[in-house]
Amino acid sequence: MNERVYHIPASTIECVNLLLAQVPELRSVYDEHICANDELLPHVFFGDVTRYVVRQVRSGEAGLANPVGRILGVLEQCMVSGDEHVTELVVVSFVENLVGCDDVVTNLNRSIGPHLEGAIKAYGM
């Protein structure tokens, strides 16, 4: 029997839960993710979150009071208080997915905190 067994660090689950609590607009993205994958795959979900942010910014819906601003706030909070699993989640599965979206990154620069900004700059964006 070839069962997949994944260990998802509790800290990454907490980060996802915080994101959903602070940004209820992501609930449909999360539900689609669970439906497509039959489980939470945090790195894949954060890719979905990145695509959501890109769509929102390109449609003109970005701002601190909007979902994008709250997403960035949660990601900054996770970068500050998270362990290496959370930092990896944010950097590898959010920041890295912004590569090639220079227009979005330029728009986000007004709204990101110093830890997220450092991660973005480390990718040369």
N, C-alpha and C. Protein backbone atom coordinates (compact mmCIF):
# COMPACT_ATOMS: atom_id res chain seq x y z
N MET A 1 0.84 -1.17 0.00
CA MET A 1 0.00 0.00 0.00
C MET A 1 0.89 1.24 0.00
N ASN A 2 0.59 2.17 -0.89
CA ASN A 2 1.38 3.39 -1.03
C ASN A 2 0.60 4.59 -0.51
N GLU A 3 0.47 4.74 0.77
CA GLU A 3 -0.22 5.88 1.34
C GLU A 3 0.74 7.05 1.49
N ARG A 4 0.23 8.23 1.15
CA ARG A 4 1.03 9.42 1.36
C ARG A 4 0.91 9.84 2.81
N VAL A 5 2.03 10.07 3.41
CA VAL A 5 2.04 10.55 4.79
C VAL A 5 2.89 11.81 4.82
N TYR A 6 2.26 12.91 5.15
CA TYR A 6 2.96 14.18 5.22
C TYR A 6 2.95 14.66 6.65
N HIS A 7 4.02 15.29 7.02
CA HIS A 7 4.04 15.95 8.31
C HIS A 7 4.00 17.45 8.03
N ILE A 8 2.91 18.05 8.40
CA ILE A 8 2.79 19.50 8.24
C ILE A 8 3.06 20.12 9.60
N PRO A 9 4.12 20.90 9.71
CA PRO A 9 4.43 21.53 11.00
C PRO A 9 3.25 22.35 11.51
N ALA A 10 2.99 22.25 12.79
CA ALA A 10 1.88 22.98 13.41
C ALA A 10 1.98 24.48 13.14
N SER A 11 3.19 24.99 13.10
CA SER A 11 3.36 26.43 12.89
C SER A 11 2.84 26.86 11.51
N THR A 12 2.99 26.01 10.49
CA THR A 12 2.48 26.39 9.17
C THR A 12 0.96 26.31 9.14
N ILE A 13 0.40 25.35 9.85
CA ILE A 13 -1.06 25.27 9.95
C ILE A 13 -1.60 26.49 10.67
N GLU A 14 -0.92 26.92 11.73
CA GLU A 14 -1.31 28.14 12.45
C GLU A 14 -1.25 29.36 11.54
N CYS A 15 -0.24 29.43 10.70
CA CYS A 15 -0.11 30.54 9.76
C CYS A 15 -1.28 30.55 8.78
N VAL A 16 -1.64 29.40 8.24
CA VAL A 16 -2.78 29.30 7.34
C VAL A 16 -4.07 29.70 8.07
N ASN A 17 -4.24 29.21 9.29
CA ASN A 17 -5.44 29.54 10.06
C ASN A 17 -5.52 31.04 10.35
N LEU A 18 -4.39 31.66 10.68
CA LEU A 18 -4.35 33.10 10.92
C LEU A 18 -4.74 33.85 9.64
N LEU A 19 -4.21 33.41 8.54
CA LEU A 19 -4.53 34.03 7.26
C LEU A 19 -6.03 33.96 6.98
N LEU A 20 -6.62 32.80 7.20
CA LEU A 20 -8.06 32.64 6.97
C LEU A 20 -8.89 33.46 7.95
N ALA A 21 -8.43 33.58 9.19
CA ALA A 21 -9.16 34.36 10.18
C ALA A 21 -9.12 35.85 9.86
N GLN A 22 -7.96 36.34 9.41
CA GLN A 22 -7.79 37.77 9.14
C GLN A 22 -8.29 38.18 7.75
N VAL A 23 -8.36 37.19 6.85
CA VAL A 23 -8.75 37.49 5.47
C VAL A 23 -9.83 36.48 5.05
N PRO A 24 -11.05 36.66 5.52
CA PRO A 24 -12.10 35.69 5.18
C PRO A 24 -12.38 35.59 3.68
N GLU A 25 -11.96 36.60 2.94
CA GLU A 25 -12.12 36.56 1.48
C GLU A 25 -11.35 35.40 0.86
N LEU A 26 -10.38 34.85 1.59
CA LEU A 26 -9.60 33.72 1.08
C LEU A 26 -10.29 32.38 1.30
N ARG A 27 -11.41 32.37 1.99
CA ARG A 27 -12.08 31.11 2.30
C ARG A 27 -12.42 30.32 1.03
N SER A 28 -12.90 30.99 -0.01
CA SER A 28 -13.24 30.27 -1.25
C SER A 28 -11.98 29.71 -1.91
N VAL A 29 -10.87 30.45 -1.84
CA VAL A 29 -9.60 29.95 -2.38
C VAL A 29 -9.17 28.70 -1.61
N TYR A 30 -9.31 28.75 -0.29
CA TYR A 30 -8.97 27.62 0.57
C TYR A 30 -9.88 26.42 0.27
N ASP A 31 -11.17 26.67 0.17
CA ASP A 31 -12.12 25.59 -0.11
C ASP A 31 -11.83 24.92 -1.46
N GLU A 32 -11.53 25.72 -2.47
CA GLU A 32 -11.15 25.16 -3.78
C GLU A 32 -9.88 24.34 -3.67
N HIS A 33 -8.94 24.82 -2.88
CA HIS A 33 -7.68 24.10 -2.67
C HIS A 33 -7.94 22.74 -2.03
N ILE A 34 -8.75 22.72 -0.99
CA ILE A 34 -9.05 21.46 -0.31
C ILE A 34 -9.81 20.52 -1.25
N CYS A 35 -10.73 21.04 -2.00
CA CYS A 35 -11.50 20.22 -2.95
C CYS A 35 -10.57 19.60 -4.00
N ALA A 36 -9.63 20.39 -4.50
CA ALA A 36 -8.72 19.90 -5.54
C ALA A 36 -7.67 18.93 -5.01
N ASN A 37 -7.28 19.09 -3.74
CA ASN A 37 -6.16 18.30 -3.20
C ASN A 37 -6.56 17.30 -2.11
N ASP A 38 -7.78 17.36 -1.66
CA ASP A 38 -8.29 16.48 -0.60
C ASP A 38 -7.62 16.69 0.74
N GLU A 39 -6.80 17.70 0.86
CA GLU A 39 -6.11 18.00 2.10
C GLU A 39 -5.41 19.35 1.96
N LEU A 40 -4.95 19.87 3.08
CA LEU A 40 -4.18 21.11 3.04
C LEU A 40 -2.74 20.81 2.66
N LEU A 41 -2.30 21.44 1.60
CA LEU A 41 -0.89 21.41 1.19
C LEU A 41 -0.43 22.87 1.28
N PRO A 42 0.17 23.25 2.42
CA PRO A 42 0.44 24.67 2.66
C PRO A 42 1.21 25.37 1.54
N HIS A 43 2.21 24.73 0.98
CA HIS A 43 2.99 25.40 -0.06
C HIS A 43 2.15 25.62 -1.31
N VAL A 44 1.33 24.67 -1.65
CA VAL A 44 0.45 24.82 -2.81
C VAL A 44 -0.60 25.89 -2.53
N PHE A 45 -1.16 25.88 -1.32
CA PHE A 45 -2.14 26.89 -0.95
C PHE A 45 -1.55 28.30 -1.02
N PHE A 46 -0.32 28.46 -0.57
CA PHE A 46 0.31 29.78 -0.63
C PHE A 46 0.55 30.22 -2.07
N GLY A 47 0.76 29.28 -2.96
CA GLY A 47 0.81 29.62 -4.39
C GLY A 47 -0.54 30.16 -4.84
N ASP A 48 -1.63 29.53 -4.37
CA ASP A 48 -2.97 30.01 -4.67
C ASP A 48 -3.18 31.42 -4.11
N VAL A 49 -2.68 31.66 -2.91
CA VAL A 49 -2.79 32.98 -2.28
C VAL A 49 -2.03 34.01 -3.12
N THR A 50 -0.86 33.65 -3.60
CA THR A 50 -0.08 34.57 -4.44
C THR A 50 -0.86 34.93 -5.69
N ARG A 51 -1.45 33.95 -6.35
CA ARG A 51 -2.23 34.22 -7.55
C ARG A 51 -3.43 35.12 -7.23
N TYR A 52 -4.04 34.93 -6.07
CA TYR A 52 -5.13 35.79 -5.63
C TYR A 52 -4.63 37.23 -5.49
N VAL A 53 -3.50 37.41 -4.84
CA VAL A 53 -2.93 38.75 -4.66
C VAL A 53 -2.63 39.39 -6.02
N VAL A 54 -2.04 38.64 -6.91
CA VAL A 54 -1.72 39.17 -8.24
C VAL A 54 -3.00 39.64 -8.94
N ARG A 55 -4.04 38.82 -8.91
CA ARG A 55 -5.31 39.21 -9.54
C ARG A 55 -5.88 40.47 -8.90
N GLN A 56 -5.85 40.53 -7.58
CA GLN A 56 -6.40 41.69 -6.87
C GLN A 56 -5.63 42.96 -7.22
N VAL A 57 -4.31 42.88 -7.20
CA VAL A 57 -3.49 44.06 -7.49
C VAL A 57 -3.72 44.52 -8.92
N ARG A 58 -3.73 43.59 -9.85
CA ARG A 58 -3.89 43.97 -11.26
C ARG A 58 -5.29 44.49 -11.57
N SER A 59 -6.26 44.14 -10.73
CA SER A 59 -7.61 44.66 -10.94
C SER A 59 -7.84 45.98 -10.18
N GLY A 60 -6.80 46.44 -9.47
CA GLY A 60 -6.90 47.70 -8.74
C GLY A 60 -7.49 47.57 -7.35
N GLU A 61 -7.55 46.38 -6.82
CA GLU A 61 -8.17 46.14 -5.52
C GLU A 61 -7.17 46.08 -4.36
N ALA A 62 -5.98 46.57 -4.56
CA ALA A 62 -4.96 46.50 -3.51
C ALA A 62 -5.06 47.71 -2.60
N GLY A 63 -4.66 47.53 -1.37
CA GLY A 63 -4.65 48.60 -0.39
C GLY A 63 -4.63 48.00 1.00
N LEU A 64 -4.20 48.77 1.96
CA LEU A 64 -4.05 48.24 3.32
C LEU A 64 -5.36 47.75 3.91
N ALA A 65 -6.48 48.37 3.60
CA ALA A 65 -7.76 47.96 4.17
C ALA A 65 -8.39 46.81 3.39
N ASN A 66 -7.91 46.56 2.20
CA ASN A 66 -8.45 45.50 1.36
C ASN A 66 -7.79 44.17 1.69
N PRO A 67 -8.31 43.09 1.13
CA PRO A 67 -7.73 41.78 1.41
C PRO A 67 -6.23 41.70 1.19
N VAL A 68 -5.72 42.33 0.15
CA VAL A 68 -4.29 42.25 -0.12
C VAL A 68 -3.49 42.86 1.03
N GLY A 69 -3.92 43.99 1.53
CA GLY A 69 -3.23 44.61 2.65
C GLY A 69 -3.24 43.73 3.88
N ARG A 70 -4.38 43.09 4.13
CA ARG A 70 -4.47 42.19 5.28
C ARG A 70 -3.63 40.94 5.07
N ILE A 71 -3.59 40.43 3.85
CA ILE A 71 -2.74 39.28 3.56
C ILE A 71 -1.29 39.64 3.84
N LEU A 72 -0.85 40.79 3.35
CA LEU A 72 0.54 41.21 3.56
C LEU A 72 0.83 41.39 5.04
N GLY A 73 -0.14 41.91 5.79
CA GLY A 73 0.04 42.07 7.23
C GLY A 73 0.22 40.73 7.93
N VAL A 74 -0.58 39.75 7.55
CA VAL A 74 -0.45 38.42 8.15
C VAL A 74 0.88 37.78 7.77
N LEU A 75 1.27 37.93 6.52
CA LEU A 75 2.55 37.34 6.08
C LEU A 75 3.72 37.97 6.82
N GLU A 76 3.66 39.28 7.03
CA GLU A 76 4.71 39.96 7.79
C GLU A 76 4.72 39.43 9.23
N GLN A 77 3.54 39.31 9.82
CA GLN A 77 3.44 38.79 11.18
C GLN A 77 4.00 37.37 11.26
N CYS A 78 3.71 36.56 10.27
CA CYS A 78 4.23 35.18 10.25
C CYS A 78 5.74 35.17 10.09
N MET A 79 6.27 36.08 9.28
CA MET A 79 7.72 36.16 9.10
C MET A 79 8.40 36.55 10.41
N VAL A 80 7.78 37.43 11.16
CA VAL A 80 8.35 37.92 12.41
C VAL A 80 8.27 36.87 13.49
N SER A 81 7.11 36.26 13.64
CA SER A 81 6.91 35.36 14.77
C SER A 81 7.03 33.88 14.43
N GLY A 82 7.15 33.57 13.16
CA GLY A 82 7.18 32.18 12.76
C GLY A 82 8.55 31.55 12.89
N ASP A 83 8.54 30.25 12.87
CA ASP A 83 9.79 29.51 12.88
C ASP A 83 10.29 29.32 11.46
N GLU A 84 11.30 28.50 11.28
CA GLU A 84 11.89 28.33 9.95
C GLU A 84 10.90 27.72 8.96
N HIS A 85 9.96 26.91 9.42
CA HIS A 85 8.96 26.32 8.51
C HIS A 85 8.04 27.40 7.95
N VAL A 86 7.66 28.34 8.79
CA VAL A 86 6.77 29.42 8.36
C VAL A 86 7.52 30.37 7.44
N THR A 87 8.73 30.72 7.80
CA THR A 87 9.52 31.60 6.95
C THR A 87 9.71 30.96 5.57
N GLU A 88 10.03 29.68 5.55
CA GLU A 88 10.19 28.97 4.28
C GLU A 88 8.88 28.99 3.49
N LEU A 89 7.77 28.77 4.16
CA LEU A 89 6.47 28.78 3.50
C LEU A 89 6.21 30.12 2.82
N VAL A 90 6.44 31.20 3.54
CA VAL A 90 6.18 32.53 2.99
C VAL A 90 7.15 32.85 1.86
N VAL A 91 8.43 32.57 2.07
CA VAL A 91 9.44 32.93 1.07
C VAL A 91 9.31 32.07 -0.18
N VAL A 92 9.27 30.76 0.00
CA VAL A 92 9.28 29.86 -1.15
C VAL A 92 7.95 29.85 -1.89
N SER A 93 6.86 29.95 -1.16
CA SER A 93 5.57 29.75 -1.81
C SER A 93 4.75 31.02 -2.00
N PHE A 94 5.18 32.13 -1.46
CA PHE A 94 4.54 33.41 -1.76
C PHE A 94 5.51 34.29 -2.54
N VAL A 95 6.61 34.64 -1.92
CA VAL A 95 7.56 35.57 -2.55
C VAL A 95 8.08 35.01 -3.87
N GLU A 96 8.50 33.77 -3.88
CA GLU A 96 9.07 33.18 -5.09
C GLU A 96 8.06 33.17 -6.24
N ASN A 97 6.79 33.03 -5.91
CA ASN A 97 5.76 33.04 -6.95
C ASN A 97 5.49 34.44 -7.50
N LEU A 98 6.05 35.46 -6.88
CA LEU A 98 5.92 36.83 -7.40
C LEU A 98 6.99 37.15 -8.44
N VAL A 99 7.98 36.28 -8.59
CA VAL A 99 9.02 36.51 -9.59
C VAL A 99 8.36 36.65 -10.97
N GLY A 100 8.71 37.71 -11.67
CA GLY A 100 8.13 37.97 -12.98
C GLY A 100 6.89 38.86 -12.92
N CYS A 101 6.45 39.18 -11.73
CA CYS A 101 5.28 40.06 -11.55
C CYS A 101 5.76 41.41 -11.04
N ASP A 102 6.67 42.03 -11.76
CA ASP A 102 7.28 43.29 -11.31
C ASP A 102 6.24 44.38 -11.08
N ASP A 103 5.20 44.42 -11.91
CA ASP A 103 4.16 45.42 -11.73
C ASP A 103 3.45 45.24 -10.39
N VAL A 104 3.24 44.00 -10.00
CA VAL A 104 2.57 43.72 -8.73
C VAL A 104 3.49 44.08 -7.57
N VAL A 105 4.75 43.68 -7.67
CA VAL A 105 5.71 43.97 -6.59
C VAL A 105 5.85 45.47 -6.41
N THR A 106 5.92 46.21 -7.50
CA THR A 106 6.01 47.67 -7.41
C THR A 106 4.80 48.23 -6.67
N ASN A 107 3.63 47.72 -6.97
CA ASN A 107 2.41 48.19 -6.31
C ASN A 107 2.40 47.80 -4.84
N LEU A 108 2.93 46.63 -4.51
CA LEU A 108 2.93 46.14 -3.13
C LEU A 108 3.95 46.85 -2.25
N ASN A 109 4.97 47.43 -2.84
CA ASN A 109 6.05 48.04 -2.06
C ASN A 109 5.56 49.03 -1.02
N ARG A 110 4.43 49.67 -1.27
CA ARG A 110 3.89 50.64 -0.30
C ARG A 110 3.28 49.97 0.91
N SER A 111 2.95 48.68 0.79
CA SER A 111 2.16 48.01 1.81
C SER A 111 2.88 46.91 2.57
N ILE A 112 4.11 46.61 2.19
CA ILE A 112 4.78 45.48 2.83
C ILE A 112 5.64 45.93 4.01
N GLY A 113 5.76 45.02 4.96
CA GLY A 113 6.60 45.25 6.13
C GLY A 113 8.05 44.93 5.83
N PRO A 114 8.95 45.24 6.75
CA PRO A 114 10.38 45.10 6.51
C PRO A 114 10.85 43.65 6.29
N HIS A 115 10.24 42.69 6.96
CA HIS A 115 10.68 41.30 6.78
C HIS A 115 10.28 40.76 5.42
N LEU A 116 9.06 41.04 5.00
CA LEU A 116 8.60 40.63 3.69
C LEU A 116 9.36 41.39 2.60
N GLU A 117 9.62 42.65 2.85
CA GLU A 117 10.39 43.46 1.90
C GLU A 117 11.79 42.88 1.71
N GLY A 118 12.43 42.47 2.80
CA GLY A 118 13.76 41.87 2.72
C GLY A 118 13.75 40.60 1.91
N ALA A 119 12.71 39.78 2.10
CA ALA A 119 12.61 38.53 1.34
C ALA A 119 12.43 38.81 -0.15
N ILE A 120 11.61 39.81 -0.46
CA ILE A 120 11.38 40.18 -1.86
C ILE A 120 12.67 40.72 -2.48
N LYS A 121 13.38 41.56 -1.76
CA LYS A 121 14.63 42.12 -2.29
C LYS A 121 15.69 41.04 -2.47
N ALA A 122 15.67 40.02 -1.63
CA ALA A 122 16.62 38.91 -1.76
C ALA A 122 16.43 38.18 -3.11
N TYR A 123 15.25 38.27 -3.68
CA TYR A 123 14.98 37.68 -4.99
C TYR A 123 15.26 38.66 -6.12
N GLY A 124 15.77 39.83 -5.78
CA GLY A 124 16.13 40.81 -6.78
C GLY A 124 14.95 41.56 -7.38
N MET A 125 13.86 41.58 -6.62
CA MET A 125 12.67 42.29 -7.13
C MET A 125 12.57 43.65 -6.47
